[in-house]
């Protein structure tokens, strides 16, 4: 079954980032735009400066887990969101990262 809540295509990433609507903190940068499908979609980007492929995939799994918890708690806004992780994420606990990301996503509303 295809997951329609994940943004994977490069042109979709570039379209959302090109709109220059963003929120940021020390851990994440979030770009967002309103979508026409009336459901929440997200994409995750972790740069190569953060670490090797194993570490980047581990970070993506953590971010997906946090986003899933946010969606599960009745967040269904019609937005496309690109989440870009910053290097400061490596020095924070899971709870701190979760709090930072939750606050940013909720500020999109």
PDB file of N, CA and C in Angstrom:
ATOM      1  N   UNK A   1       0.838  -1.184   0.000  1.00  0.00           N
ATOM      2  CA  UNK A   1       0.000   0.000   0.000  1.00  0.00           C
ATOM      3  C   UNK A   1       0.879   1.243   0.000  1.00  0.00           C
ATOM      4  N   UNK A   2       0.560   2.173  -0.845  1.00  0.00           N
ATOM      5  CA  UNK A   2       1.352   3.383  -0.981  1.00  0.00           C
ATOM      6  C   UNK A   2       0.976   4.393   0.102  1.00  0.00           C
ATOM      7  N   UNK A   3       2.003   4.949   0.757  1.00  0.00           N
ATOM      8  CA  UNK A   3       1.766   5.948   1.784  1.00  0.00           C
ATOM      9  C   UNK A   3       1.677   7.316   1.126  1.00  0.00           C
ATOM     10  N   UNK A   4       0.527   7.937   1.173  1.00  0.00           N
ATOM     11  CA  UNK A   4       0.311   9.215   0.508  1.00  0.00           C
ATOM     12  C   UNK A   4       0.676  10.402   1.391  1.00  0.00           C
ATOM     13  N   UNK A   5       1.157  10.145   2.600  1.00  0.00           N
ATOM     14  CA  UNK A   5       1.502  11.235   3.506  1.00  0.00           C
ATOM     15  C   UNK A   5       2.971  11.625   3.436  1.00  0.00           C
ATOM     16  N   UNK A   6       3.756  10.954   2.607  1.00  0.00           N
ATOM     17  CA  UNK A   6       5.184  11.227   2.537  1.00  0.00           C
ATOM     18  C   UNK A   6       5.515  11.893   1.200  1.00  0.00           C
ATOM     19  N   UNK A   7       6.309  12.959   1.271  1.00  0.00           N
ATOM     20  CA  UNK A   7       6.776  13.653   0.075  1.00  0.00           C
ATOM     21  C   UNK A   7       8.164  13.106  -0.244  1.00  0.00           C
ATOM     22  N   UNK A   8       8.346  12.583  -1.453  1.00  0.00           N
ATOM     23  CA  UNK A   8       9.637  12.004  -1.817  1.00  0.00           C
ATOM     24  C   UNK A   8      10.275  12.640  -3.047  1.00  0.00           C
ATOM     25  N   UNK A   9       9.494  13.230  -3.895  1.00  0.00           N
ATOM     26  CA  UNK A   9      10.020  13.733  -5.164  1.00  0.00           C
ATOM     27  C   UNK A   9      10.732  15.065  -5.000  1.00  0.00           C
ATOM     28  N   UNK A  10      11.858  15.205  -5.686  1.00  0.00           N
ATOM     29  CA  UNK A  10      12.686  16.399  -5.579  1.00  0.00           C
ATOM     30  C   UNK A  10      11.935  17.657  -5.993  1.00  0.00           C
ATOM     31  N   UNK A  11      11.152  17.581  -7.063  1.00  0.00           N
ATOM     32  CA  UNK A  11      10.447  18.784  -7.511  1.00  0.00           C
ATOM     33  C   UNK A  11       9.407  19.246  -6.493  1.00  0.00           C
ATOM     34  N   UNK A  12       8.815  18.306  -5.738  1.00  0.00           N
ATOM     35  CA  UNK A  12       7.892  18.699  -4.678  1.00  0.00           C
ATOM     36  C   UNK A  12       8.631  19.392  -3.537  1.00  0.00           C
ATOM     37  N   UNK A  13       9.814  18.866  -3.180  1.00  0.00           N
ATOM     38  CA  UNK A  13      10.646  19.508  -2.161  1.00  0.00           C
ATOM     39  C   UNK A  13      10.985  20.931  -2.588  1.00  0.00           C
ATOM     40  N   UNK A  14      11.440  21.092  -3.824  1.00  0.00           N
ATOM     41  CA  UNK A  14      11.861  22.404  -4.309  1.00  0.00           C
ATOM     42  C   UNK A  14      10.695  23.387  -4.396  1.00  0.00           C
ATOM     43  N   UNK A  15       9.523  22.911  -4.744  1.00  0.00           N
ATOM     44  CA  UNK A  15       8.350  23.778  -4.817  1.00  0.00           C
ATOM     45  C   UNK A  15       8.000  24.325  -3.433  1.00  0.00           C
ATOM     46  N   UNK A  16       7.998  23.458  -2.433  1.00  0.00           N
ATOM     47  CA  UNK A  16       7.648  23.878  -1.077  1.00  0.00           C
ATOM     48  C   UNK A  16       8.715  24.801  -0.506  1.00  0.00           C
ATOM     49  N   UNK A  17       9.981  24.458  -0.688  1.00  0.00           N
ATOM     50  CA  UNK A  17      11.073  25.287  -0.175  1.00  0.00           C
ATOM     51  C   UNK A  17      11.099  26.631  -0.902  1.00  0.00           C
ATOM     52  N   UNK A  18      10.748  26.651  -2.182  1.00  0.00           N
ATOM     53  CA  UNK A  18      10.754  27.876  -2.961  1.00  0.00           C
ATOM     54  C   UNK A  18       9.730  28.908  -2.519  1.00  0.00           C
ATOM     55  N   UNK A  19       8.735  28.491  -1.767  1.00  0.00           N
ATOM     56  CA  UNK A  19       7.717  29.436  -1.291  1.00  0.00           C
ATOM     57  C   UNK A  19       8.197  30.265  -0.107  1.00  0.00           C
ATOM     58  N   UNK A  20       9.329  29.905   0.492  1.00  0.00           N
ATOM     59  CA  UNK A  20       9.997  30.659   1.556  1.00  0.00           C
ATOM     60  C   UNK A  20       9.132  30.913   2.784  1.00  0.00           C
ATOM     61  N   UNK A  21       8.236  30.009   3.090  1.00  0.00           N
ATOM     62  CA  UNK A  21       7.499  30.083   4.347  1.00  0.00           C
ATOM     63  C   UNK A  21       8.152  29.079   5.278  1.00  0.00           C
ATOM     64  N   UNK A  22       8.732  29.567   6.374  1.00  0.00           N
ATOM     65  CA  UNK A  22       9.477  28.648   7.223  1.00  0.00           C
ATOM     66  C   UNK A  22       9.416  29.057   8.683  1.00  0.00           C
ATOM     67  N   UNK A  23       9.680  28.072   9.529  1.00  0.00           N
ATOM     68  CA  UNK A  23       9.917  28.255  10.951  1.00  0.00           C
ATOM     69  C   UNK A  23      11.215  27.531  11.258  1.00  0.00           C
ATOM     70  N   UNK A  24      11.966  28.025  12.226  1.00  0.00           N
ATOM     71  CA  UNK A  24      13.217  27.354  12.557  1.00  0.00           C
ATOM     72  C   UNK A  24      13.541  27.506  14.024  1.00  0.00           C
ATOM     73  N   UNK A  25      14.317  26.558  14.505  1.00  0.00           N
ATOM     74  CA  UNK A  25      14.907  26.631  15.836  1.00  0.00           C
ATOM     75  C   UNK A  25      16.293  26.003  15.753  1.00  0.00           C
ATOM     76  N   UNK A  26      16.899  25.705  16.881  1.00  0.00           N
ATOM     77  CA  UNK A  26      18.271  25.202  16.850  1.00  0.00           C
ATOM     78  C   UNK A  26      18.377  23.773  16.320  1.00  0.00           C
ATOM     79  N   UNK A  27      17.276  23.042  16.270  1.00  0.00           N
ATOM     80  CA  UNK A  27      17.292  21.639  15.871  1.00  0.00           C
ATOM     81  C   UNK A  27      16.757  21.391  14.464  1.00  0.00           C
ATOM     82  N   UNK A  28      15.760  22.165  14.038  1.00  0.00           N
ATOM     83  CA  UNK A  28      15.086  21.922  12.766  1.00  0.00           C
ATOM     84  C   UNK A  28      14.824  23.218  12.011  1.00  0.00           C
ATOM     85  N   UNK A  29      14.650  23.060  10.703  1.00  0.00           N
ATOM     86  CA  UNK A  29      14.074  24.094   9.851  1.00  0.00           C
ATOM     87  C   UNK A  29      12.880  23.431   9.180  1.00  0.00           C
ATOM     88  N   UNK A  30      11.738  24.106   9.219  1.00  0.00           N
ATOM     89  CA  UNK A  30      10.529  23.558   8.609  1.00  0.00           C
ATOM     90  C   UNK A  30      10.037  24.532   7.550  1.00  0.00           C
ATOM     91  N   UNK A  31       9.889  24.030   6.330  1.00  0.00           N
ATOM     92  CA  UNK A  31       9.266  24.784   5.252  1.00  0.00           C
ATOM     93  C   UNK A  31       7.864  24.214   5.058  1.00  0.00           C
ATOM     94  N   UNK A  32       6.905  25.086   4.789  1.00  0.00           N
ATOM     95  CA  UNK A  32       5.535  24.603   4.651  1.00  0.00           C
ATOM     96  C   UNK A  32       4.788  25.369   3.565  1.00  0.00           C
ATOM     97  N   UNK A  33       3.757  24.743   3.065  1.00  0.00           N
ATOM     98  CA  UNK A  33       2.831  25.397   2.148  1.00  0.00           C
ATOM     99  C   UNK A  33       1.489  24.680   2.248  1.00  0.00           C
ATOM    100  N   UNK A  34       0.448  25.397   1.955  1.00  0.00           N
ATOM    101  CA  UNK A  34      -0.891  24.823   1.992  1.00  0.00           C
ATOM    102  C   UNK A  34      -1.068  23.935   0.758  1.00  0.00           C
ATOM    103  N   UNK A  35      -1.715  22.795   0.928  1.00  0.00           N
ATOM    104  CA  UNK A  35      -1.935  21.922  -0.227  1.00  0.00           C
ATOM    105  C   UNK A  35      -3.412  21.847  -0.595  1.00  0.00           C
ATOM    106  N   UNK A  36      -3.670  21.301  -1.767  1.00  0.00           N
ATOM    107  CA  UNK A  36      -5.038  21.224  -2.273  1.00  0.00           C
ATOM    108  C   UNK A  36      -5.725  19.919  -1.902  1.00  0.00           C
ATOM    109  N   UNK A  37      -4.965  18.943  -1.445  1.00  0.00           N
ATOM    110  CA  UNK A  37      -5.541  17.638  -1.146  1.00  0.00           C
ATOM    111  C   UNK A  37      -6.201  17.566   0.221  1.00  0.00           C
ATOM    112  N   UNK A  38      -6.069  18.626   1.020  1.00  0.00           N
ATOM    113  CA  UNK A  38      -6.695  18.730   2.336  1.00  0.00           C
ATOM    114  C   UNK A  38      -6.247  17.649   3.308  1.00  0.00           C
ATOM    115  N   UNK A  39      -5.008  17.188   3.170  1.00  0.00           N
ATOM    116  CA  UNK A  39      -4.443  16.279   4.158  1.00  0.00           C
ATOM    117  C   UNK A  39      -2.993  16.665   4.432  1.00  0.00           C
ATOM    118  N   UNK A  40      -2.479  16.200   5.530  1.00  0.00           N
ATOM    119  CA  UNK A  40      -1.127  16.523   5.968  1.00  0.00           C
ATOM    120  C   UNK A  40      -0.119  15.619   5.273  1.00  0.00           C
ATOM    121  N   UNK A  41       0.905  16.226   4.633  1.00  0.00           N
ATOM    122  CA  UNK A  41       1.989  15.465   4.015  1.00  0.00           C
ATOM    123  C   UNK A  41       3.308  16.025   4.521  1.00  0.00           C
ATOM    124  N   UNK A  42       4.324  15.169   4.606  1.00  0.00           N
ATOM    125  CA  UNK A  42       5.617  15.622   5.103  1.00  0.00           C
ATOM    126  C   UNK A  42       6.757  14.952   4.352  1.00  0.00           C
ATOM    127  N   UNK A  43       7.896  15.645   4.351  1.00  0.00           N
ATOM    128  CA  UNK A  43       9.127  15.113   3.795  1.00  0.00           C
ATOM    129  C   UNK A  43      10.248  15.401   4.779  1.00  0.00           C
ATOM    130  N   UNK A  44      11.242  14.527   4.818  1.00  0.00           N
ATOM    131  CA  UNK A  44      12.349  14.659   5.765  1.00  0.00           C
ATOM    132  C   UNK A  44      13.650  14.731   4.993  1.00  0.00           C
ATOM    133  N   UNK A  45      14.506  15.675   5.389  1.00  0.00           N
ATOM    134  CA  UNK A  45      15.822  15.806   4.775  1.00  0.00           C
ATOM    135  C   UNK A  45      16.875  15.901   5.877  1.00  0.00           C
ATOM    136  N   UNK A  46      17.884  15.040   5.776  1.00  0.00           N
ATOM    137  CA  UNK A  46      19.012  15.061   6.704  1.00  0.00           C
ATOM    138  C   UNK A  46      20.266  15.144   5.851  1.00  0.00           C
ATOM    139  N   UNK A  47      21.022  16.222   5.998  1.00  0.00           N
ATOM    140  CA  UNK A  47      22.192  16.462   5.169  1.00  0.00           C
ATOM    141  C   UNK A  47      23.359  15.544   5.486  1.00  0.00           C
ATOM    142  N   UNK A  48      24.280  15.434   4.538  1.00  0.00           N
ATOM    143  CA  UNK A  48      25.437  14.551   4.705  1.00  0.00           C
ATOM    144  C   UNK A  48      26.431  15.066   5.730  1.00  0.00           C
ATOM    145  N   UNK A  49      26.354  16.333   6.111  1.00  0.00           N
ATOM    146  CA  UNK A  49      27.257  16.869   7.125  1.00  0.00           C
ATOM    147  C   UNK A  49      26.953  16.313   8.513  1.00  0.00           C
ATOM    148  N   UNK A  50      25.776  15.756   8.691  1.00  0.00           N
ATOM    149  CA  UNK A  50      25.383  15.258  10.009  1.00  0.00           C
ATOM    150  C   UNK A  50      26.061  13.935  10.330  1.00  0.00           C
ATOM    151  N   UNK A  51      26.305  13.089   9.358  1.00  0.00           N
ATOM    152  CA  UNK A  51      26.950  11.815   9.648  1.00  0.00           C
ATOM    153  C   UNK A  51      26.862  10.869   8.469  1.00  0.00           C
ATOM    154  N   UNK A  52      27.233   9.623   8.735  1.00  0.00           N
ATOM    155  CA  UNK A  52      27.177   8.627   7.664  1.00  0.00           C
ATOM    156  C   UNK A  52      25.736   8.172   7.440  1.00  0.00           C
ATOM    157  N   UNK A  53      25.525   7.295   6.480  1.00  0.00           N
ATOM    158  CA  UNK A  53      24.187   6.880   6.084  1.00  0.00           C
ATOM    159  C   UNK A  53      23.435   6.193   7.219  1.00  0.00           C
ATOM    160  N   UNK A  54      24.128   5.428   8.021  1.00  0.00           N
ATOM    161  CA  UNK A  54      23.482   4.727   9.129  1.00  0.00           C
ATOM    162  C   UNK A  54      22.911   5.730  10.126  1.00  0.00           C
ATOM    163  N   UNK A  55      23.691   6.730  10.480  1.00  0.00           N
ATOM    164  CA  UNK A  55      23.250   7.749  11.435  1.00  0.00           C
ATOM    165  C   UNK A  55      22.116   8.595  10.858  1.00  0.00           C
ATOM    166  N   UNK A  56      22.211   8.954   9.588  1.00  0.00           N
ATOM    167  CA  UNK A  56      21.156   9.756   8.958  1.00  0.00           C
ATOM    168  C   UNK A  56      19.835   8.986   8.921  1.00  0.00           C
ATOM    169  N   UNK A  57      19.883   7.694   8.609  1.00  0.00           N
ATOM    170  CA  UNK A  57      18.664   6.884   8.588  1.00  0.00           C
ATOM    171  C   UNK A  57      18.071   6.724   9.982  1.00  0.00           C
ATOM    172  N   UNK A  58      18.925   6.622  10.996  1.00  0.00           N
ATOM    173  CA  UNK A  58      18.451   6.546  12.376  1.00  0.00           C
ATOM    174  C   UNK A  58      17.720   7.829  12.755  1.00  0.00           C
ATOM    175  N   UNK A  59      18.271   8.966  12.355  1.00  0.00           N
ATOM    176  CA  UNK A  59      17.641  10.254  12.632  1.00  0.00           C
ATOM    177  C   UNK A  59      16.298  10.349  11.913  1.00  0.00           C
ATOM    178  N   UNK A  60      16.232   9.895  10.663  1.00  0.00           N
ATOM    179  CA  UNK A  60      14.971   9.920   9.913  1.00  0.00           C
ATOM    180  C   UNK A  60      13.911   9.056  10.583  1.00  0.00           C
ATOM    181  N   UNK A  61      14.303   7.891  11.096  1.00  0.00           N
ATOM    182  CA  UNK A  61      13.350   7.031  11.798  1.00  0.00           C
ATOM    183  C   UNK A  61      12.808   7.716  13.049  1.00  0.00           C
ATOM    184  N   UNK A  62      13.677   8.413  13.784  1.00  0.00           N
ATOM    185  CA  UNK A  62      13.228   9.148  14.968  1.00  0.00           C
ATOM    186  C   UNK A  62      12.235  10.239  14.583  1.00  0.00           C
ATOM    187  N   UNK A  63      12.559  10.980  13.534  1.00  0.00           N
ATOM    188  CA  UNK A  63      11.678  12.066  13.100  1.00  0.00           C
ATOM    189  C   UNK A  63      10.338  11.505  12.642  1.00  0.00           C
ATOM    190  N   UNK A  64      10.341  10.395  11.896  1.00  0.00           N
ATOM    191  CA  UNK A  64       9.088   9.776  11.458  1.00  0.00           C
ATOM    192  C   UNK A  64       8.236   9.347  12.653  1.00  0.00           C
ATOM    193  N   UNK A  65       8.886   8.820  13.675  1.00  0.00           N
ATOM    194  CA  UNK A  65       8.170   8.409  14.874  1.00  0.00           C
ATOM    195  C   UNK A  65       7.504   9.599  15.554  1.00  0.00           C
ATOM    196  N   UNK A  66       8.212  10.706  15.637  1.00  0.00           N
ATOM    197  CA  UNK A  66       7.653  11.910  16.256  1.00  0.00           C
ATOM    198  C   UNK A  66       6.493  12.448  15.433  1.00  0.00           C
ATOM    199  N   UNK A  67       6.663  12.494  14.113  1.00  0.00           N
ATOM    200  CA  UNK A  67       5.599  12.994  13.233  1.00  0.00           C
ATOM    201  C   UNK A  67       4.377  12.090  13.326  1.00  0.00           C
ATOM    202  N   UNK A  68       4.579  10.774  13.393  1.00  0.00           N
ATOM    203  CA  UNK A  68       3.460   9.851  13.524  1.00  0.00           C
ATOM    204  C   UNK A  68       2.684  10.117  14.808  1.00  0.00           C
ATOM    205  N   UNK A  69       3.390  10.386  15.908  1.00  0.00           N
ATOM    206  CA  UNK A  69       2.718  10.702  17.168  1.00  0.00           C
ATOM    207  C   UNK A  69       1.926  12.007  17.071  1.00  0.00           C
ATOM    208  N   UNK A  70       2.470  12.985  16.368  1.00  0.00           N
ATOM    209  CA  UNK A  70       1.771  14.260  16.199  1.00  0.00           C
ATOM    210  C   UNK A  70       0.503  14.064  15.365  1.00  0.00           C
ATOM    211  N   UNK A  71       0.605  13.293  14.293  1.00  0.00           N
ATOM    212  CA  UNK A  71      -0.551  13.043  13.433  1.00  0.00           C
ATOM    213  C   UNK A  71      -1.611  12.241  14.189  1.00  0.00           C
ATOM    214  N   UNK A  72      -1.162  11.292  14.984  1.00  0.00           N
ATOM    215  CA  UNK A  72      -2.077  10.448  15.744  1.00  0.00           C
ATOM    216  C   UNK A  72      -2.908  11.270  16.728  1.00  0.00           C
ATOM    217  N   UNK A  73      -2.345  12.357  17.214  1.00  0.00           N
ATOM    218  CA  UNK A  73      -3.048  13.209  18.172  1.00  0.00           C
ATOM    219  C   UNK A  73      -3.891  14.269  17.474  1.00  0.00           C
ATOM    220  N   UNK A  74      -4.599  13.884  16.431  1.00  0.00           N
ATOM    221  CA  UNK A  74      -5.593  14.720  15.745  1.00  0.00           C
ATOM    222  C   UNK A  74      -5.025  15.978  15.110  1.00  0.00           C
ATOM    223  N   UNK A  75      -3.854  15.896  14.536  1.00  0.00           N
ATOM    224  CA  UNK A  75      -3.334  17.020  13.751  1.00  0.00           C
ATOM    225  C   UNK A  75      -3.539  16.654  12.296  1.00  0.00           C
ATOM    226  N   UNK A  76      -4.513  17.264  11.662  1.00  0.00           N
ATOM    227  CA  UNK A  76      -4.803  16.950  10.268  1.00  0.00           C
ATOM    228  C   UNK A  76      -5.018  18.240   9.483  1.00  0.00           C
ATOM    229  N   UNK A  77      -4.021  19.103   9.497  1.00  0.00           N
ATOM    230  CA  UNK A  77      -4.098  20.363   8.772  1.00  0.00           C
ATOM    231  C   UNK A  77      -3.701  20.138   7.318  1.00  0.00           C
ATOM    232  N   UNK A  78      -4.253  20.896   6.389  1.00  0.00           N
ATOM    233  CA  UNK A  78      -3.947  20.699   4.958  1.00  0.00           C
ATOM    234  C   UNK A  78      -2.636  21.376   4.549  1.00  0.00           C
ATOM    235  N   UNK A  79      -1.520  20.870   5.043  1.00  0.00           N
ATOM    236  CA  UNK A  79      -0.216  21.461   4.754  1.00  0.00           C
ATOM    237  C   UNK A  79       0.761  20.409   4.268  1.00  0.00           C
ATOM    238  N   UNK A  80       1.685  20.849   3.404  1.00  0.00           N
ATOM    239  CA  UNK A  80       2.868  20.071   3.051  1.00  0.00           C
ATOM    240  C   UNK A  80       4.012  20.658   3.864  1.00  0.00           C
ATOM    241  N   UNK A  81       4.746  19.804   4.547  1.00  0.00           N
ATOM    242  CA  UNK A  81       5.821  20.265   5.414  1.00  0.00           C
ATOM    243  C   UNK A  81       7.106  19.531   5.063  1.00  0.00           C
ATOM    244  N   UNK A  82       8.204  20.284   4.912  1.00  0.00           N
ATOM    245  CA  UNK A  82       9.529  19.706   4.725  1.00  0.00           C
ATOM    246  C   UNK A  82      10.306  19.943   6.015  1.00  0.00           C
ATOM    247  N   UNK A  83      10.804  18.879   6.603  1.00  0.00           N
ATOM    248  CA  UNK A  83      11.552  18.950   7.853  1.00  0.00           C
ATOM    249  C   UNK A  83      13.025  18.742   7.530  1.00  0.00           C
ATOM    250  N   UNK A  84      13.845  19.734   7.844  1.00  0.00           N
ATOM    251  CA  UNK A  84      15.285  19.638   7.614  1.00  0.00           C
ATOM    252  C   UNK A  84      15.971  19.613   8.973  1.00  0.00           C
ATOM    253  N   UNK A  85      16.735  18.554   9.218  1.00  0.00           N
ATOM    254  CA  UNK A  85      17.412  18.392  10.496  1.00  0.00           C
ATOM    255  C   UNK A  85      18.727  19.163  10.500  1.00  0.00           C
ATOM    256  N   UNK A  86      19.044  19.755  11.639  1.00  0.00           N
ATOM    257  CA  UNK A  86      20.310  20.447  11.816  1.00  0.00           C
ATOM    258  C   UNK A  86      21.235  19.595  12.686  1.00  0.00           C
ATOM    259  N   UNK A  87      22.520  19.926  12.651  1.00  0.00           N
ATOM    260  CA  UNK A  87      23.535  19.132  13.347  1.00  0.00           C
ATOM    261  C   UNK A  87      23.345  19.139  14.858  1.00  0.00           C
ATOM    262  N   UNK A  88      22.728  20.179  15.394  1.00  0.00           N
ATOM    263  CA  UNK A  88      22.498  20.284  16.829  1.00  0.00           C
ATOM    264  C   UNK A  88      21.611  19.154  17.347  1.00  0.00           C
ATOM    265  N   UNK A  89      20.898  18.484  16.475  1.00  0.00           N
ATOM    266  CA  UNK A  89      20.037  17.365  16.831  1.00  0.00           C
ATOM    267  C   UNK A  89      20.825  16.224  17.484  1.00  0.00           C
ATOM    268  N   UNK A  90      22.077  16.072  17.111  1.00  0.00           N
ATOM    269  CA  UNK A  90      22.896  14.981  17.641  1.00  0.00           C
ATOM    270  C   UNK A  90      23.158  15.109  19.131  1.00  0.00           C
ATOM    271  N   UNK A  91      23.092  16.319  19.653  1.00  0.00           N
ATOM    272  CA  UNK A  91      23.459  16.566  21.052  1.00  0.00           C
ATOM    273  C   UNK A  91      22.255  16.686  21.970  1.00  0.00           C
ATOM    274  N   UNK A  92      21.079  16.375  21.484  1.00  0.00           N
ATOM    275  CA  UNK A  92      19.863  16.479  22.284  1.00  0.00           C
ATOM    276  C   UNK A  92      19.254  15.106  22.510  1.00  0.00           C
ATOM    277  N   UNK A  93      18.489  14.988  23.584  1.00  0.00           N
ATOM    278  CA  UNK A  93      17.791  13.739  23.873  1.00  0.00           C
ATOM    279  C   UNK A  93      16.549  13.638  22.995  1.00  0.00           C
ATOM    280  N   UNK A  94      15.977  12.450  22.957  1.00  0.00           N
ATOM    281  CA  UNK A  94      14.781  12.221  22.147  1.00  0.00           C
ATOM    282  C   UNK A  94      13.626  13.107  22.599  1.00  0.00           C
ATOM    283  N   UNK A  95      13.486  13.300  23.900  1.00  0.00           N
ATOM    284  CA  UNK A  95      12.402  14.130  24.428  1.00  0.00           C
ATOM    285  C   UNK A  95      12.555  15.588  24.002  1.00  0.00           C
ATOM    286  N   UNK A  96      13.779  16.100  24.023  1.00  0.00           N
ATOM    287  CA  UNK A  96      14.027  17.480  23.603  1.00  0.00           C
ATOM    288  C   UNK A  96      13.749  17.654  22.114  1.00  0.00           C
ATOM    289  N   UNK A  97      14.193  16.687  21.324  1.00  0.00           N
ATOM    290  CA  UNK A  97      13.962  16.729  19.877  1.00  0.00           C
ATOM    291  C   UNK A  97      12.463  16.672  19.594  1.00  0.00           C
ATOM    292  N   UNK A  98      11.760  15.800  20.300  1.00  0.00           N
ATOM    293  CA  UNK A  98      10.324  15.662  20.117  1.00  0.00           C
ATOM    294  C   UNK A  98       9.600  16.969  20.460  1.00  0.00           C
ATOM    295  N   UNK A  99       9.988  17.593  21.545  1.00  0.00           N
ATOM    296  CA  UNK A  99       9.370  18.856  21.958  1.00  0.00           C
ATOM    297  C   UNK A  99       9.632  19.957  20.926  1.00  0.00           C
ATOM    298  N   UNK A 100      10.879  20.050  20.431  1.00  0.00           N
ATOM    299  CA  UNK A 100      11.222  21.061  19.424  1.00  0.00           C
ATOM    300  C   UNK A 100      10.406  20.883  18.144  1.00  0.00           C
ATOM    301  N   UNK A 101      10.327  19.650  17.660  1.00  0.00           N
ATOM    302  CA  UNK A 101       9.605  19.387  16.419  1.00  0.00           C
ATOM    303  C   UNK A 101       8.098  19.586  16.590  1.00  0.00           C
ATOM    304  N   UNK A 102       7.559  19.168  17.703  1.00  0.00           N
ATOM    305  CA  UNK A 102       6.135  19.342  17.962  1.00  0.00           C
ATOM    306  C   UNK A 102       5.757  20.822  17.990  1.00  0.00           C
ATOM    307  N   UNK A 103       6.574  21.633  18.660  1.00  0.00           N
ATOM    308  CA  UNK A 103       6.293  23.067  18.723  1.00  0.00           C
ATOM    309  C   UNK A 103       6.340  23.712  17.338  1.00  0.00           C
ATOM    310  N   UNK A 104       7.309  23.306  16.512  1.00  0.00           N
ATOM    311  CA  UNK A 104       7.401  23.879  15.167  1.00  0.00           C
ATOM    312  C   UNK A 104       6.215  23.479  14.293  1.00  0.00           C
ATOM    313  N   UNK A 105       5.848  22.212  14.336  1.00  0.00           N
ATOM    314  CA  UNK A 105       4.734  21.751  13.490  1.00  0.00           C
ATOM    315  C   UNK A 105       3.434  22.387  13.926  1.00  0.00           C
ATOM    316  N   UNK A 106       3.226  22.516  15.229  1.00  0.00           N
ATOM    317  CA  UNK A 106       1.989  23.142  15.703  1.00  0.00           C
ATOM    318  C   UNK A 106       1.944  24.630  15.405  1.00  0.00           C
ATOM    319  N   UNK A 107       3.089  25.264  15.225  1.00  0.00           N
ATOM    320  CA  UNK A 107       3.108  26.678  14.887  1.00  0.00           C
ATOM    321  C   UNK A 107       2.707  26.919  13.428  1.00  0.00           C
ATOM    322  N   UNK A 108       2.690  25.880  12.619  1.00  0.00           N
ATOM    323  CA  UNK A 108       2.291  25.995  11.219  1.00  0.00           C
ATOM    324  C   UNK A 108       0.808  26.294  11.107  1.00  0.00           C
ATOM    325  N   UNK A 109       0.002  25.776  12.013  1.00  0.00           N
ATOM    326  CA  UNK A 109      -1.445  25.992  11.964  1.00  0.00           C
ATOM    327  C   UNK A 109      -1.711  27.452  11.831  1.00  0.00           C
TER     328      UNK A 109
END
